[in-house]
Amino acid sequence: MATHYDLEEQEQIAQLKHFWAKYGNLITWALIAVLGAFAAWNGWQYWQRKSALEAAALYDELDRAVQGGDADRVKRVWGDLQQKAARTAQAHQGGLLAARALESAGQLDEARQALSMVVDKSSDAALVSVARLRLATVELQAQQPEAALKWLATGIAPEFAALAADRKGDVLQAQGQAEAARAAYREAWTALEPGLDYRRIVEAKLNALGVDPGASSTQESAR
């Protein structure tokens, strides 16, 4: 009886050896791949958490620098934020924040760089639209109206279309194209909700160009 069991065990061992000889390498590499993927996932999660914490701390520091009006500190912290957490939402929001301070300080090249980073890196359509609108303003201040119009030509989300039309009107007026500016301002005024303070600003721009959009709308309704 003992011999019978020994023969069965030997047969099972032989089958196991044959199986391992045939599939052992495949199983080993499969396990390595699974464990490697698990380690990579854990590493990615750790990096994400670390980046988010660093980005939040740097964004807070950037905000304090902006509030303090310290342009040099703004540039330094903004540089750190780009270097350490460029892919985070805080970095993209920080680009808008840094650009505001740098633009106010007259450092238009640095403001342009910060806003361009948001356009290039962010997947948030709203942030990209705001950055493009701000870039148009920076280019207009730098007396580069053609560059300003290019920033407004594409990449603007529908909810920002009225603001883009208003900014386009500013650029066209600066170029001396009064009729085209009127058309752009009228487009903005029409798209904005009645009662909005900003709509009254656009209306004032139209009035300055000899247009009363309210009267025009009343006449069109009467027809």
Protein backbone atom coordinates (compact mmCIF):
# COMPACT_ATOMS: atom_id res chain seq x y z
CA MET A 1 0.00 0.00 0.00
CA ALA A 2 2.84 2.36 0.89
CA THR A 3 4.44 1.60 -2.46
CA HIS A 4 1.17 2.45 -4.23
CA TYR A 5 1.02 5.88 -2.56
CA ASP A 6 4.71 6.47 -3.28
CA LEU A 7 4.11 5.80 -6.95
CA GLU A 8 1.16 8.25 -7.01
CA GLU A 9 3.20 10.94 -5.30
CA GLN A 10 6.08 10.40 -7.69
CA GLU A 11 3.69 10.66 -10.63
CA GLN A 12 2.22 13.91 -9.26
CA ILE A 13 5.70 15.32 -8.68
CA ALA A 14 6.68 14.37 -12.21
CA GLN A 15 3.55 16.06 -13.59
CA LEU A 16 4.28 19.15 -11.50
CA LYS A 17 7.87 19.27 -12.77
CA HIS A 18 6.65 18.92 -16.33
CA PHE A 19 4.07 21.68 -15.83
CA TRP A 20 6.62 24.02 -14.25
CA ALA A 21 9.17 23.30 -16.94
CA LYS A 22 6.58 24.22 -19.54
CA TYR A 23 4.87 27.20 -17.86
CA GLY A 24 7.20 28.23 -15.03
CA ASN A 25 8.84 31.13 -16.85
CA LEU A 26 5.48 32.44 -18.03
CA ILE A 27 4.04 32.31 -14.53
CA THR A 28 7.12 33.97 -13.07
CA TRP A 29 7.04 36.83 -15.57
CA ALA A 30 3.29 37.23 -15.10
CA LEU A 31 3.78 37.55 -11.34
CA ILE A 32 6.60 40.03 -11.87
CA ALA A 33 4.40 42.07 -14.19
CA VAL A 34 1.48 42.08 -11.72
CA LEU A 35 3.69 43.01 -8.77
CA GLY A 36 5.46 45.62 -10.87
CA ALA A 37 2.17 47.17 -11.92
CA PHE A 38 0.98 47.20 -8.32
CA ALA A 39 4.21 48.88 -7.19
CA ALA A 40 3.96 51.40 -10.03
CA TRP A 41 0.35 52.19 -9.11
CA ASN A 42 1.29 52.73 -5.48
CA GLY A 43 4.20 54.90 -6.58
CA TRP A 44 1.94 56.93 -8.84
CA GLN A 45 -0.59 57.44 -6.06
CA TYR A 46 2.17 58.53 -3.68
CA TRP A 47 3.55 60.95 -6.28
CA GLN A 48 0.08 62.37 -6.90
CA ARG A 49 -0.51 62.95 -3.21
CA LYS A 50 2.95 64.47 -2.74
CA SER A 51 2.52 66.74 -5.77
CA ALA A 52 -0.92 67.86 -4.61
CA LEU A 53 0.38 68.74 -1.13
CA GLU A 54 3.38 70.60 -2.54
CA ALA A 55 1.19 72.41 -5.06
CA ALA A 56 -1.30 73.49 -2.39
CA ALA A 57 1.48 74.83 -0.16
CA LEU A 58 3.14 76.67 -3.03
CA TYR A 59 -0.17 78.11 -4.24
CA ASP A 60 -0.84 79.50 -0.77
CA GLU A 61 2.65 81.02 -0.72
CA LEU A 62 2.08 82.47 -4.20
CA ASP A 63 -1.21 83.99 -3.09
CA ARG A 64 0.49 85.66 -0.14
CA ALA A 65 3.19 87.04 -2.44
CA VAL A 66 0.55 88.43 -4.80
CA GLN A 67 -1.39 89.99 -1.93
CA GLY A 68 1.83 91.55 -0.68
CA GLY A 69 2.64 93.01 -4.10
CA ASP A 70 6.09 91.37 -4.07
CA ALA A 71 6.78 90.72 -7.78
CA ASP A 72 10.20 89.13 -7.18
CA ARG A 73 8.75 86.70 -4.68
CA VAL A 74 5.87 85.98 -7.07
CA LYS A 75 8.34 85.00 -9.81
CA ARG A 76 10.35 82.83 -7.43
CA VAL A 77 7.36 80.93 -6.04
CA TRP A 78 5.76 80.66 -9.48
CA GLY A 79 8.99 79.10 -10.76
CA ASP A 80 8.94 76.57 -7.92
CA LEU A 81 5.31 75.73 -8.63
CA GLN A 82 6.08 75.05 -12.28
CA GLN A 83 9.12 72.96 -11.46
CA LYS A 84 7.55 70.81 -8.75
CA ALA A 85 3.88 70.52 -9.71
CA ALA A 86 3.38 71.75 -13.27
CA ARG A 87 0.62 69.23 -14.05
CA THR A 88 -1.61 70.10 -11.10
CA ALA A 89 -4.72 72.25 -11.12
CA GLN A 90 -3.08 74.50 -8.51
CA ALA A 91 -0.25 75.26 -10.94
CA HIS A 92 -2.71 76.22 -13.69
CA GLN A 93 -4.68 78.44 -11.34
CA GLY A 94 -1.39 79.78 -10.04
CA GLY A 95 -0.48 80.83 -13.57
CA LEU A 96 -3.49 83.14 -13.68
CA LEU A 97 -2.67 84.46 -10.22
CA ALA A 98 1.00 85.08 -10.98
CA ALA A 99 0.18 86.72 -14.32
CA ARG A 100 -2.11 89.23 -12.62
CA ALA A 101 0.64 90.37 -10.27
CA LEU A 102 3.31 90.41 -12.97
CA GLU A 103 1.09 92.36 -15.34
CA SER A 104 0.38 94.92 -12.63
CA ALA A 105 4.13 95.23 -12.08
CA GLY A 106 4.62 95.96 -15.78
CA GLN A 107 6.46 92.68 -16.37
CA LEU A 108 4.52 91.73 -19.48
CA ASP A 109 6.91 89.07 -20.78
CA GLU A 110 6.69 87.17 -17.49
CA ALA A 111 2.91 87.56 -17.40
CA ARG A 112 2.70 86.28 -20.99
CA GLN A 113 4.78 83.23 -20.07
CA ALA A 114 2.57 82.39 -17.09
CA LEU A 115 -0.62 82.66 -19.11
CA SER A 116 0.83 80.70 -22.04
CA MET A 117 1.65 77.87 -19.64
CA VAL A 118 -2.02 77.69 -18.63
CA VAL A 119 -3.11 77.56 -22.28
CA ASP A 120 -0.57 74.84 -23.10
CA LYS A 121 -0.93 72.64 -20.02
CA SER A 122 -4.45 72.98 -18.63
CA SER A 123 -7.34 70.74 -19.72
CA ASP A 124 -9.89 73.03 -18.04
CA ALA A 125 -11.69 74.90 -20.83
CA ALA A 126 -12.69 77.73 -18.48
CA LEU A 127 -9.12 78.33 -17.27
CA VAL A 128 -7.82 78.24 -20.83
CA SER A 129 -10.47 80.73 -21.95
CA VAL A 130 -9.62 83.13 -19.13
CA ALA A 131 -5.92 82.79 -19.93
CA ARG A 132 -6.57 83.60 -23.60
CA LEU A 133 -8.63 86.66 -22.68
CA ARG A 134 -5.86 87.83 -20.37
CA LEU A 135 -3.22 87.18 -23.01
CA ALA A 136 -5.14 89.39 -25.42
CA THR A 137 -5.02 92.16 -22.81
CA VAL A 138 -1.29 91.66 -22.25
CA GLU A 139 -0.60 91.79 -25.99
CA LEU A 140 -2.71 94.93 -26.33
CA GLN A 141 -0.70 96.57 -23.54
CA ALA A 142 2.46 95.50 -25.34
CA GLN A 143 1.10 97.18 -28.48
CA GLN A 144 0.80 93.87 -30.31
CA PRO A 145 -2.83 93.96 -31.52
CA GLU A 146 -2.42 91.22 -34.12
CA ALA A 147 -1.11 88.85 -31.47
CA ALA A 148 -4.04 89.83 -29.24
CA LEU A 149 -6.54 88.94 -31.97
CA LYS A 150 -4.89 85.54 -32.47
CA TRP A 151 -5.43 84.64 -28.83
CA LEU A 152 -9.12 85.46 -29.21
CA ALA A 153 -9.60 83.62 -32.50
CA THR A 154 -9.72 80.07 -31.10
CA GLY A 155 -9.92 78.14 -27.85
CA ILE A 156 -12.61 80.28 -26.21
CA ALA A 157 -15.38 78.31 -24.48
CA PRO A 158 -18.95 79.34 -25.48
CA GLU A 159 -19.70 80.84 -22.07
CA PHE A 160 -16.82 83.29 -22.58
CA ALA A 161 -17.78 84.31 -26.12
CA ALA A 162 -19.30 87.64 -25.03
CA LEU A 163 -16.17 88.61 -23.12
CA ALA A 164 -14.03 87.61 -26.10
CA ALA A 165 -16.16 89.81 -28.38
CA ASP A 166 -15.75 92.72 -25.97
CA ARG A 167 -11.98 92.22 -25.83
CA LYS A 168 -11.89 92.00 -29.61
CA GLY A 169 -13.70 95.32 -29.74
CA ASP A 170 -10.98 96.85 -27.53
CA VAL A 171 -8.26 95.58 -29.87
CA LEU A 172 -10.05 96.76 -33.02
CA GLN A 173 -10.69 100.18 -31.53
CA ALA A 174 -6.99 100.46 -30.64
CA GLN A 175 -6.22 99.70 -34.28
CA GLY A 176 -8.52 102.52 -35.38
CA GLN A 177 -11.10 100.14 -36.88
CA ALA A 178 -14.14 101.90 -35.43
CA GLU A 179 -16.79 100.11 -37.49
CA ALA A 180 -15.39 96.65 -36.74
CA ALA A 181 -15.11 97.61 -33.07
CA ARG A 182 -18.79 98.65 -33.02
CA ALA A 183 -19.77 95.27 -34.47
CA ALA A 184 -17.71 93.39 -31.87
CA TYR A 185 -19.09 95.45 -28.98
CA ARG A 186 -22.64 95.00 -30.27
CA GLU A 187 -22.08 91.24 -30.40
CA ALA A 188 -20.86 91.29 -26.81
CA TRP A 189 -23.73 93.51 -25.63
CA THR A 190 -26.32 91.26 -27.27
CA ALA A 191 -24.84 88.08 -25.77
CA LEU A 192 -24.64 89.44 -22.22
CA GLU A 193 -27.65 89.09 -19.92
CA PRO A 194 -29.66 92.28 -19.31
CA GLY A 195 -28.96 93.74 -15.89
CA LEU A 196 -25.33 92.66 -15.75
CA ASP A 197 -22.97 95.45 -14.70
CA TYR A 198 -20.53 94.37 -17.38
CA ARG A 199 -23.20 94.84 -20.04
CA ARG A 200 -23.44 98.47 -19.00
CA ILE A 201 -19.68 98.81 -19.48
CA VAL A 202 -19.98 97.46 -23.02
CA GLU A 203 -22.90 99.79 -23.62
CA ALA A 204 -20.76 102.74 -22.52
CA LYS A 205 -18.13 101.71 -25.06
CA LEU A 206 -20.79 101.63 -27.78
CA ASN A 207 -22.10 105.03 -26.69
CA ALA A 208 -18.57 106.42 -27.00
CA LEU A 209 -18.57 105.19 -30.60
CA GLY A 210 -21.93 106.85 -31.32
CA VAL A 211 -24.13 103.77 -30.89
CA ASP A 212 -27.12 103.37 -28.56
CA PRO A 213 -27.71 99.60 -28.52
CA GLY A 214 -30.83 99.94 -26.39
CA ALA A 215 -32.48 102.24 -28.91
CA SER A 216 -31.47 99.97 -31.77
CA SER A 217 -33.00 96.97 -30.03
CA THR A 218 -36.24 98.89 -29.41
CA GLN A 219 -36.48 99.85 -33.07
CA GLU A 220 -35.87 96.27 -34.20
CA SER A 221 -38.57 95.01 -31.81
CA ALA A 222 -41.04 97.58 -33.15
CA ARG A 223 -40.54 96.25 -36.65
